[in-house]
Amino acid sequence: MFKFLNEFLNEFDLENDTINSYINKTNKTNLSVFLAGIDKFPFFETIRTILKELYPDYSSWSSDKKYYYFIKLLLDQEYFNFSSKPKAILPFHKYSTHTATPIEEYLNEAALYCSSNGVANLHLRFQKYISLNLKKLLRMK
């Protein structure tokens, strides 16, 4: 999911290049899409706050340097480590009351799907092996 960001960190030369020229040279349009909506991500403010704490001169940086260090912190193992985590647990849906992960969204949808009129309708399906062992266990009592 973050392969293009890892590639960016490995290939981009902050001292001698601009992000715009990097995108034009490499045709990494997914990076431009990511950066265009970066402030919409639910983790944006948290990362920016940490950057300001780590680097007191952050406000005086160029936008390229801010983006570079933002991505670096996002993927850094000591901080967010997003490239090594399952997508399902990343904070990606921002609501006015909270931030939700994809797994939370999935569970909420599943709960809504399996209930109607205030009654839960569940269907459990067991694999044959589990089902046979369950029958044996029930006969033992």
C-alpha atoms as a PDB file:
ATOM      1  CA  MET A   1       0.000   0.000   0.000  1.00  0.00           C
ATOM      2  CA  PHE A   2       2.862   2.390   0.759  1.00  0.00           C
ATOM      3  CA  LYS A   3       5.326   1.017  -1.768  1.00  0.00           C
ATOM      4  CA  PHE A   4       5.345   4.261  -3.747  1.00  0.00           C
ATOM      5  CA  LEU A   5       6.154   6.225  -0.584  1.00  0.00           C
ATOM      6  CA  ASN A   6       9.051   3.912   0.269  1.00  0.00           C
ATOM      7  CA  GLU A   7      10.331   4.298  -3.284  1.00  0.00           C
ATOM      8  CA  PHE A   8      10.063   8.060  -2.929  1.00  0.00           C
ATOM      9  CA  LEU A   9      12.131   8.069   0.278  1.00  0.00           C
ATOM     10  CA  ASN A  10      14.771   5.852  -1.345  1.00  0.00           C
ATOM     11  CA  GLU A  11      14.985   7.753  -4.637  1.00  0.00           C
ATOM     12  CA  PHE A  12      14.316  11.395  -3.800  1.00  0.00           C
ATOM     13  CA  ASP A  13      17.265  13.714  -3.184  1.00  0.00           C
ATOM     14  CA  LEU A  14      15.964  16.441  -0.892  1.00  0.00           C
ATOM     15  CA  GLU A  15      19.069  18.584  -1.310  1.00  0.00           C
ATOM     16  CA  ASN A  16      19.141  18.616  -5.115  1.00  0.00           C
ATOM     17  CA  ASP A  17      15.609  17.970  -6.319  1.00  0.00           C
ATOM     18  CA  THR A  18      12.028  19.133  -5.939  1.00  0.00           C
ATOM     19  CA  ILE A  19       9.076  16.837  -5.460  1.00  0.00           C
ATOM     20  CA  ASN A  20       7.460  18.222  -8.599  1.00  0.00           C
ATOM     21  CA  SER A  21      10.520  17.443 -10.723  1.00  0.00           C
ATOM     22  CA  TYR A  22      10.766  13.985  -9.105  1.00  0.00           C
ATOM     23  CA  ILE A  23       7.147  13.241 -10.044  1.00  0.00           C
ATOM     24  CA  ASN A  24       7.739  14.489 -13.599  1.00  0.00           C
ATOM     25  CA  LYS A  25      10.945  12.443 -14.015  1.00  0.00           C
ATOM     26  CA  THR A  26       9.589   9.226 -12.533  1.00  0.00           C
ATOM     27  CA  ASN A  27       5.937   9.586 -13.554  1.00  0.00           C
ATOM     28  CA  LYS A  28       4.888   8.670  -9.966  1.00  0.00           C
ATOM     29  CA  THR A  29       1.458  10.248 -10.190  1.00  0.00           C
ATOM     30  CA  ASN A  30       0.261   8.358  -7.112  1.00  0.00           C
ATOM     31  CA  LEU A  31       2.634  10.505  -5.063  1.00  0.00           C
ATOM     32  CA  SER A  32       1.045  13.691  -6.409  1.00  0.00           C
ATOM     33  CA  VAL A  33      -2.428  12.329  -5.581  1.00  0.00           C
ATOM     34  CA  PHE A  34      -1.254  11.419  -2.061  1.00  0.00           C
ATOM     35  CA  LEU A  35       0.225  14.868  -1.492  1.00  0.00           C
ATOM     36  CA  ALA A  36      -2.793  16.682  -2.936  1.00  0.00           C
ATOM     37  CA  GLY A  37      -5.026  15.158  -0.256  1.00  0.00           C
ATOM     38  CA  ILE A  38      -2.487  14.796   2.539  1.00  0.00           C
ATOM     39  CA  ASP A  39      -4.297  17.174   4.893  1.00  0.00           C
ATOM     40  CA  LYS A  40      -7.477  15.065   4.604  1.00  0.00           C
ATOM     41  CA  PHE A  41      -5.905  11.979   6.190  1.00  0.00           C
ATOM     42  CA  PRO A  42      -6.995  11.437   9.800  1.00  0.00           C
ATOM     43  CA  PHE A  43      -3.378  11.094  10.913  1.00  0.00           C
ATOM     44  CA  PHE A  44      -2.263  14.374   9.299  1.00  0.00           C
ATOM     45  CA  GLU A  45      -2.513  16.608  12.372  1.00  0.00           C
ATOM     46  CA  THR A  46      -0.874  14.031  14.648  1.00  0.00           C
ATOM     47  CA  ILE A  47       2.140  13.656  12.386  1.00  0.00           C
ATOM     48  CA  ARG A  48       2.440  17.388  11.830  1.00  0.00           C
ATOM     49  CA  THR A  49       2.340  18.006  15.592  1.00  0.00           C
ATOM     50  CA  ILE A  50       5.141  15.501  16.154  1.00  0.00           C
ATOM     51  CA  LEU A  51       7.196  17.066  13.356  1.00  0.00           C
ATOM     52  CA  LYS A  52       6.844  20.472  15.002  1.00  0.00           C
ATOM     53  CA  GLU A  53       7.985  18.982  18.321  1.00  0.00           C
ATOM     54  CA  LEU A  54      10.956  17.189  16.779  1.00  0.00           C
ATOM     55  CA  TYR A  55      12.048  20.090  14.567  1.00  0.00           C
ATOM     56  CA  PRO A  56      11.549  23.555  16.073  1.00  0.00           C
ATOM     57  CA  ASP A  57      12.345  25.206  12.713  1.00  0.00           C
ATOM     58  CA  TYR A  58       9.657  23.139  10.929  1.00  0.00           C
ATOM     59  CA  SER A  59       7.558  26.227  10.108  1.00  0.00           C
ATOM     60  CA  SER A  60      10.400  27.735   8.090  1.00  0.00           C
ATOM     61  CA  TRP A  61      10.896  24.634   5.914  1.00  0.00           C
ATOM     62  CA  SER A  62       9.968  24.451   2.247  1.00  0.00           C
ATOM     63  CA  SER A  63       6.867  22.436   1.399  1.00  0.00           C
ATOM     64  CA  ASP A  64       9.092  19.777  -0.204  1.00  0.00           C
ATOM     65  CA  LYS A  65      11.035  19.313   3.013  1.00  0.00           C
ATOM     66  CA  LYS A  66       7.806  19.189   5.059  1.00  0.00           C
ATOM     67  CA  TYR A  67       6.341  16.529   2.761  1.00  0.00           C
ATOM     68  CA  TYR A  68       9.546  14.506   2.787  1.00  0.00           C
ATOM     69  CA  TYR A  69       9.764  14.433   6.576  1.00  0.00           C
ATOM     70  CA  PHE A  70       6.029  13.795   6.885  1.00  0.00           C
ATOM     71  CA  ILE A  71       6.353  10.665   4.743  1.00  0.00           C
ATOM     72  CA  LYS A  72       9.520   9.662   6.573  1.00  0.00           C
ATOM     73  CA  LEU A  73       7.755   9.855   9.954  1.00  0.00           C
ATOM     74  CA  LEU A  74       4.691   8.054   8.607  1.00  0.00           C
ATOM     75  CA  LEU A  75       6.804   5.051   7.592  1.00  0.00           C
ATOM     76  CA  ASP A  76       9.454   5.193  10.340  1.00  0.00           C
ATOM     77  CA  GLN A  77       9.521   2.083  12.555  1.00  0.00           C
ATOM     78  CA  GLU A  78      10.069   4.217  15.650  1.00  0.00           C
ATOM     79  CA  TYR A  79       6.921   6.244  15.046  1.00  0.00           C
ATOM     80  CA  PHE A  80       3.959   5.194  12.896  1.00  0.00           C
ATOM     81  CA  ASN A  81       5.454   2.334  10.867  1.00  0.00           C
ATOM     82  CA  PHE A  82       2.473   2.323   8.490  1.00  0.00           C
ATOM     83  CA  SER A  83       4.215   0.307   5.781  1.00  0.00           C
ATOM     84  CA  SER A  84       4.609  -2.671   8.123  1.00  0.00           C
ATOM     85  CA  LYS A  85       1.100  -2.707   9.553  1.00  0.00           C
ATOM     86  CA  PRO A  86      -1.990  -4.381   8.097  1.00  0.00           C
ATOM     87  CA  LYS A  87      -4.201  -1.948   6.187  1.00  0.00           C
ATOM     88  CA  ALA A  88      -7.198  -2.959   8.288  1.00  0.00           C
ATOM     89  CA  ILE A  89      -5.852  -1.299  11.440  1.00  0.00           C
ATOM     90  CA  LEU A  90      -4.683   2.012   9.984  1.00  0.00           C
ATOM     91  CA  PRO A  91      -6.694   5.141  10.822  1.00  0.00           C
ATOM     92  CA  PHE A  92      -8.223   6.002   7.458  1.00  0.00           C
ATOM     93  CA  HIS A  93     -11.807   7.176   7.924  1.00  0.00           C
ATOM     94  CA  LYS A  94     -12.250  10.529   9.626  1.00  0.00           C
ATOM     95  CA  TYR A  95     -15.594  11.419  11.164  1.00  0.00           C
ATOM     96  CA  SER A  96     -16.582  14.436  13.223  1.00  0.00           C
ATOM     97  CA  THR A  97     -16.697  12.273  16.358  1.00  0.00           C
ATOM     98  CA  HIS A  98     -13.858   9.820  15.814  1.00  0.00           C
ATOM     99  CA  THR A  99     -11.419   8.159  13.465  1.00  0.00           C
ATOM    100  CA  ALA A 100     -12.223   4.650  12.268  1.00  0.00           C
ATOM    101  CA  THR A 101     -10.093   1.878  10.860  1.00  0.00           C
ATOM    102  CA  PRO A 102     -11.223  -0.285   7.938  1.00  0.00           C
ATOM    103  CA  ILE A 103     -11.766  -3.248  10.281  1.00  0.00           C
ATOM    104  CA  GLU A 104     -14.011  -1.121  12.504  1.00  0.00           C
ATOM    105  CA  GLU A 105     -16.005  -0.071   9.437  1.00  0.00           C
ATOM    106  CA  TYR A 106     -16.302  -3.686   8.350  1.00  0.00           C
ATOM    107  CA  LEU A 107     -17.541  -4.809  11.778  1.00  0.00           C
ATOM    108  CA  ASN A 108     -20.074  -1.973  11.921  1.00  0.00           C
ATOM    109  CA  GLU A 109     -21.382  -2.883   8.473  1.00  0.00           C
ATOM    110  CA  ALA A 110     -21.560  -6.550   9.449  1.00  0.00           C
ATOM    111  CA  ALA A 111     -23.508  -5.702  12.617  1.00  0.00           C
ATOM    112  CA  LEU A 112     -25.947  -3.578  10.622  1.00  0.00           C
ATOM    113  CA  TYR A 113     -26.291  -6.271   7.986  1.00  0.00           C
ATOM    114  CA  CYS A 114     -27.049  -9.084  10.409  1.00  0.00           C
ATOM    115  CA  SER A 115     -29.600  -7.187  12.485  1.00  0.00           C
ATOM    116  CA  SER A 116     -33.009  -5.869  11.597  1.00  0.00           C
ATOM    117  CA  ASN A 117     -35.777  -4.472  13.755  1.00  0.00           C
ATOM    118  CA  GLY A 118     -33.483  -4.654  16.784  1.00  0.00           C
ATOM    119  CA  VAL A 119     -32.996  -8.422  16.429  1.00  0.00           C
ATOM    120  CA  ALA A 120     -29.708 -10.026  15.478  1.00  0.00           C
ATOM    121  CA  ASN A 121     -29.868 -12.762  12.865  1.00  0.00           C
ATOM    122  CA  LEU A 122     -26.699 -14.817  12.952  1.00  0.00           C
ATOM    123  CA  HIS A 123     -25.761 -17.800  10.856  1.00  0.00           C
ATOM    124  CA  LEU A 124     -22.762 -19.768  12.022  1.00  0.00           C
ATOM    125  CA  ARG A 125     -21.029 -22.115   9.646  1.00  0.00           C
ATOM    126  CA  PHE A 126     -18.486 -24.648  10.839  1.00  0.00           C
ATOM    127  CA  GLN A 127     -15.975 -26.578   8.868  1.00  0.00           C
ATOM    128  CA  LYS A 128     -16.663 -30.307   8.754  1.00  0.00           C
ATOM    129  CA  TYR A 129     -13.802 -31.125  11.150  1.00  0.00           C
ATOM    130  CA  ILE A 130     -14.955 -28.632  13.766  1.00  0.00           C
ATOM    131  CA  SER A 131     -18.555 -29.716  13.375  1.00  0.00           C
ATOM    132  CA  LEU A 132     -17.696 -33.416  13.931  1.00  0.00           C
ATOM    133  CA  ASN A 133     -15.625 -32.622  17.020  1.00  0.00           C
ATOM    134  CA  LEU A 134     -18.379 -30.409  18.362  1.00  0.00           C
ATOM    135  CA  LYS A 135     -20.891 -33.276  17.977  1.00  0.00           C
ATOM    136  CA  LYS A 136     -18.529 -35.611  19.840  1.00  0.00           C
ATOM    137  CA  LEU A 137     -18.074 -33.065  22.591  1.00  0.00           C
ATOM    138  CA  LEU A 138     -21.816 -32.575  22.954  1.00  0.00           C
ATOM    139  CA  ARG A 139     -22.390 -36.376  23.236  1.00  0.00           C
ATOM    140  CA  MET A 140     -19.834 -36.577  26.033  1.00  0.00           C
ATOM    141  CA  LYS A 141     -21.944 -34.439  28.376  1.00  0.00           C
END
